[in-house]
Amino acid sequence: MVSQKVTIKNPSGLHARPASILAQAAGKCKSNVIIVNGSKQIQAKSILNIMAAAIKCGTEIEVQCTGETEAEDLKSIVELIESGLGE
């Protein structure tokens, strides 16, 4: 397992459009992608789970990847989040 902390930069947080972009990107990953927000663990491949977590702008989350391509998947998901997810 590899993980990295990242801060949500999108002004609306991880709501409909950003959650959709993130879930689509995570869906292309071969590894299991989990978002940790406080004590919650969210499956990043599910847009509904991401939206239900109501993660706001400025929140620090941890992205965890486990699987055969975990390092590459972590890098791509973190870069996507840091880019603002299509602000």
N, C-alpha and C. Protein backbone atom coordinates (compact mmCIF):
# COMPACT_ATOMS: atom_id res chain seq x y z
N MET A 1 0.84 -1.19 0.00
CA MET A 1 0.00 0.00 0.00
C MET A 1 0.88 1.24 0.00
N VAL A 2 0.47 2.22 -0.81
CA VAL A 2 1.11 3.52 -0.81
C VAL A 2 0.03 4.56 -0.53
N SER A 3 0.43 5.68 0.08
CA SER A 3 -0.55 6.72 0.38
C SER A 3 0.10 8.09 0.37
N GLN A 4 -0.74 9.10 0.20
CA GLN A 4 -0.26 10.48 0.21
C GLN A 4 -1.41 11.39 0.63
N LYS A 5 -1.06 12.41 1.41
CA LYS A 5 -2.07 13.40 1.82
C LYS A 5 -2.13 14.49 0.77
N VAL A 6 -3.34 14.99 0.53
CA VAL A 6 -3.55 16.05 -0.45
C VAL A 6 -4.73 16.91 0.02
N THR A 7 -4.68 18.20 -0.30
CA THR A 7 -5.73 19.13 0.09
C THR A 7 -6.65 19.40 -1.10
N ILE A 8 -7.94 19.37 -0.86
CA ILE A 8 -8.94 19.63 -1.91
C ILE A 8 -8.90 21.11 -2.27
N LYS A 9 -8.68 21.42 -3.55
CA LYS A 9 -8.57 22.80 -4.00
C LYS A 9 -9.80 23.29 -4.75
N ASN A 10 -10.65 22.37 -5.20
CA ASN A 10 -11.84 22.78 -5.95
C ASN A 10 -12.75 23.58 -5.03
N PRO A 11 -13.19 24.79 -5.47
CA PRO A 11 -14.03 25.64 -4.61
C PRO A 11 -15.31 24.97 -4.11
N SER A 12 -15.87 24.05 -4.90
CA SER A 12 -17.11 23.39 -4.47
C SER A 12 -16.85 22.07 -3.75
N GLY A 13 -15.56 21.75 -3.51
CA GLY A 13 -15.23 20.49 -2.85
C GLY A 13 -15.43 19.33 -3.80
N LEU A 14 -15.69 18.15 -3.28
CA LEU A 14 -15.89 16.97 -4.12
C LEU A 14 -17.39 16.70 -4.29
N HIS A 15 -18.05 17.61 -5.02
CA HIS A 15 -19.47 17.42 -5.31
C HIS A 15 -19.64 16.89 -6.72
N ALA A 16 -20.81 16.92 -7.28
CA ALA A 16 -21.18 16.22 -8.51
C ALA A 16 -20.11 16.11 -9.60
N ARG A 17 -19.74 17.21 -10.22
CA ARG A 17 -18.80 17.12 -11.35
C ARG A 17 -17.41 16.65 -10.92
N PRO A 18 -16.80 17.27 -9.88
CA PRO A 18 -15.48 16.79 -9.45
C PRO A 18 -15.51 15.33 -8.98
N ALA A 19 -16.58 14.93 -8.31
CA ALA A 19 -16.70 13.55 -7.84
C ALA A 19 -16.78 12.60 -9.03
N SER A 20 -17.47 13.01 -10.07
CA SER A 20 -17.58 12.19 -11.28
C SER A 20 -16.22 12.03 -11.95
N ILE A 21 -15.48 13.12 -12.06
CA ILE A 21 -14.15 13.08 -12.67
C ILE A 21 -13.23 12.16 -11.87
N LEU A 22 -13.27 12.29 -10.55
CA LEU A 22 -12.42 11.47 -9.68
C LEU A 22 -12.80 9.99 -9.77
N ALA A 23 -14.09 9.70 -9.73
CA ALA A 23 -14.56 8.30 -9.79
C ALA A 23 -14.19 7.66 -11.13
N GLN A 24 -14.30 8.42 -12.22
CA GLN A 24 -13.93 7.88 -13.53
C GLN A 24 -12.44 7.56 -13.58
N ALA A 25 -11.62 8.47 -13.06
CA ALA A 25 -10.17 8.25 -13.06
C ALA A 25 -9.81 7.05 -12.19
N ALA A 26 -10.43 6.95 -11.01
CA ALA A 26 -10.17 5.83 -10.11
C ALA A 26 -10.62 4.52 -10.73
N GLY A 27 -11.70 4.56 -11.50
CA GLY A 27 -12.22 3.37 -12.17
C GLY A 27 -11.24 2.79 -13.19
N LYS A 28 -10.38 3.63 -13.73
CA LYS A 28 -9.38 3.19 -14.70
C LYS A 28 -8.15 2.58 -14.03
N CYS A 29 -8.03 2.76 -12.72
CA CYS A 29 -6.88 2.24 -11.98
C CYS A 29 -7.03 0.74 -11.74
N LYS A 30 -5.93 0.01 -11.84
CA LYS A 30 -5.95 -1.42 -11.57
C LYS A 30 -5.92 -1.70 -10.07
N SER A 31 -5.40 -0.75 -9.30
CA SER A 31 -5.32 -0.95 -7.85
C SER A 31 -6.60 -0.46 -7.17
N ASN A 32 -6.75 -0.81 -5.91
CA ASN A 32 -7.88 -0.36 -5.11
C ASN A 32 -7.55 1.04 -4.61
N VAL A 33 -8.45 2.00 -4.82
CA VAL A 33 -8.21 3.40 -4.44
C VAL A 33 -9.18 3.79 -3.35
N ILE A 34 -8.64 4.19 -2.20
CA ILE A 34 -9.44 4.58 -1.04
C ILE A 34 -9.09 6.02 -0.67
N ILE A 35 -10.13 6.80 -0.34
CA ILE A 35 -9.93 8.16 0.17
C ILE A 35 -10.23 8.11 1.67
N VAL A 36 -9.28 8.58 2.46
CA VAL A 36 -9.48 8.61 3.91
C VAL A 36 -9.73 10.05 4.32
N ASN A 37 -10.90 10.28 4.92
CA ASN A 37 -11.28 11.62 5.39
C ASN A 37 -11.66 11.48 6.86
N GLY A 38 -10.73 11.84 7.74
CA GLY A 38 -10.95 11.64 9.17
C GLY A 38 -10.99 10.15 9.46
N SER A 39 -12.09 9.68 10.02
CA SER A 39 -12.22 8.25 10.32
C SER A 39 -12.95 7.49 9.20
N LYS A 40 -13.39 8.22 8.17
CA LYS A 40 -14.13 7.59 7.07
C LYS A 40 -13.18 7.09 5.98
N GLN A 41 -13.48 5.90 5.47
CA GLN A 41 -12.76 5.36 4.31
C GLN A 41 -13.75 5.27 3.17
N ILE A 42 -13.44 5.95 2.07
CA ILE A 42 -14.36 6.06 0.95
C ILE A 42 -13.78 5.35 -0.27
N GLN A 43 -14.57 4.49 -0.90
CA GLN A 43 -14.16 3.82 -2.13
C GLN A 43 -14.20 4.87 -3.25
N ALA A 44 -13.03 5.19 -3.82
CA ALA A 44 -12.93 6.27 -4.80
C ALA A 44 -13.53 5.92 -6.16
N LYS A 45 -13.84 4.65 -6.39
CA LYS A 45 -14.42 4.26 -7.68
C LYS A 45 -15.94 4.46 -7.69
N SER A 46 -16.51 4.91 -6.58
CA SER A 46 -17.96 5.12 -6.47
C SER A 46 -18.28 6.61 -6.33
N ILE A 47 -18.91 7.17 -7.36
CA ILE A 47 -19.28 8.59 -7.31
C ILE A 47 -20.23 8.86 -6.15
N LEU A 48 -21.14 7.94 -5.87
CA LEU A 48 -22.10 8.14 -4.77
C LEU A 48 -21.40 8.19 -3.42
N ASN A 49 -20.42 7.31 -3.21
CA ASN A 49 -19.68 7.32 -1.95
C ASN A 49 -18.90 8.62 -1.79
N ILE A 50 -18.29 9.10 -2.88
CA ILE A 50 -17.52 10.35 -2.82
C ILE A 50 -18.45 11.52 -2.48
N MET A 51 -19.58 11.60 -3.16
CA MET A 51 -20.52 12.70 -2.91
C MET A 51 -21.10 12.62 -1.50
N ALA A 52 -21.39 11.42 -1.02
CA ALA A 52 -21.96 11.24 0.32
C ALA A 52 -21.00 11.70 1.41
N ALA A 53 -19.69 11.65 1.13
CA ALA A 53 -18.70 12.07 2.13
C ALA A 53 -18.69 13.58 2.34
N ALA A 54 -19.26 14.34 1.38
CA ALA A 54 -19.36 15.81 1.48
C ALA A 54 -18.02 16.46 1.85
N ILE A 55 -16.99 16.16 1.08
CA ILE A 55 -15.66 16.71 1.33
C ILE A 55 -15.58 18.11 0.76
N LYS A 56 -15.27 19.07 1.60
CA LYS A 56 -15.28 20.48 1.21
C LYS A 56 -13.89 20.98 0.80
N CYS A 57 -13.88 22.13 0.14
CA CYS A 57 -12.64 22.78 -0.26
C CYS A 57 -11.78 23.05 0.99
N GLY A 58 -10.48 22.80 0.88
CA GLY A 58 -9.57 23.04 1.99
C GLY A 58 -9.38 21.83 2.90
N THR A 59 -10.17 20.79 2.70
CA THR A 59 -10.06 19.58 3.51
C THR A 59 -8.85 18.77 3.08
N GLU A 60 -8.06 18.32 4.07
CA GLU A 60 -6.93 17.44 3.76
C GLU A 60 -7.42 16.00 3.84
N ILE A 61 -7.21 15.27 2.74
CA ILE A 61 -7.58 13.86 2.70
C ILE A 61 -6.32 13.03 2.45
N GLU A 62 -6.44 11.74 2.64
CA GLU A 62 -5.35 10.83 2.32
C GLU A 62 -5.84 9.89 1.23
N VAL A 63 -5.05 9.74 0.17
CA VAL A 63 -5.36 8.81 -0.90
C VAL A 63 -4.50 7.58 -0.69
N GLN A 64 -5.13 6.40 -0.64
CA GLN A 64 -4.42 5.14 -0.45
C GLN A 64 -4.67 4.24 -1.66
N CYS A 65 -3.61 3.66 -2.19
CA CYS A 65 -3.72 2.73 -3.31
C CYS A 65 -3.06 1.41 -2.93
N THR A 66 -3.75 0.32 -3.23
CA THR A 66 -3.23 -1.02 -2.97
C THR A 66 -3.46 -1.87 -4.20
N GLY A 67 -2.38 -2.44 -4.73
CA GLY A 67 -2.52 -3.30 -5.90
C GLY A 67 -1.30 -3.27 -6.78
N GLU A 68 -1.41 -3.91 -7.94
CA GLU A 68 -0.26 -4.09 -8.82
C GLU A 68 0.30 -2.80 -9.40
N THR A 69 -0.53 -1.78 -9.59
CA THR A 69 -0.05 -0.52 -10.16
C THR A 69 -0.23 0.63 -9.16
N GLU A 70 -0.08 0.32 -7.88
CA GLU A 70 -0.40 1.30 -6.83
C GLU A 70 0.38 2.61 -6.93
N ALA A 71 1.67 2.55 -7.24
CA ALA A 71 2.49 3.77 -7.29
C ALA A 71 2.03 4.69 -8.41
N GLU A 72 1.80 4.13 -9.60
CA GLU A 72 1.35 4.95 -10.73
C GLU A 72 -0.06 5.49 -10.49
N ASP A 73 -0.92 4.65 -9.92
CA ASP A 73 -2.30 5.06 -9.65
C ASP A 73 -2.34 6.19 -8.63
N LEU A 74 -1.54 6.08 -7.57
CA LEU A 74 -1.49 7.13 -6.56
C LEU A 74 -1.05 8.44 -7.19
N LYS A 75 -0.01 8.39 -7.99
CA LYS A 75 0.51 9.58 -8.64
C LYS A 75 -0.56 10.24 -9.50
N SER A 76 -1.28 9.46 -10.31
CA SER A 76 -2.28 10.04 -11.21
C SER A 76 -3.47 10.61 -10.45
N ILE A 77 -3.92 9.94 -9.39
CA ILE A 77 -5.07 10.44 -8.61
C ILE A 77 -4.69 11.72 -7.86
N VAL A 78 -3.51 11.74 -7.24
CA VAL A 78 -3.06 12.94 -6.51
C VAL A 78 -2.90 14.11 -7.46
N GLU A 79 -2.32 13.88 -8.64
CA GLU A 79 -2.17 14.96 -9.62
C GLU A 79 -3.53 15.49 -10.06
N LEU A 80 -4.48 14.61 -10.24
CA LEU A 80 -5.83 15.02 -10.62
C LEU A 80 -6.46 15.89 -9.55
N ILE A 81 -6.36 15.49 -8.30
CA ILE A 81 -6.93 16.26 -7.20
C ILE A 81 -6.23 17.62 -7.08
N GLU A 82 -4.90 17.62 -7.18
CA GLU A 82 -4.15 18.86 -7.07
C GLU A 82 -4.43 19.82 -8.22
N SER A 83 -4.84 19.29 -9.37
CA SER A 83 -5.14 20.15 -10.53
C SER A 83 -6.47 20.87 -10.34
N GLY A 84 -7.24 20.50 -9.34
CA GLY A 84 -8.51 21.17 -9.04
C GLY A 84 -9.72 20.46 -9.62
N LEU A 85 -9.54 19.32 -10.29
CA LEU A 85 -10.63 18.52 -10.83
C LEU A 85 -11.55 19.32 -11.73
N GLY A 86 -11.01 20.07 -12.63
CA GLY A 86 -11.81 20.82 -13.60
C GLY A 86 -12.58 21.97 -12.99
N GLU A 87 -11.92 22.77 -12.19
CA GLU A 87 -12.55 23.91 -11.50
C GLU A 87 -13.40 24.75 -12.42
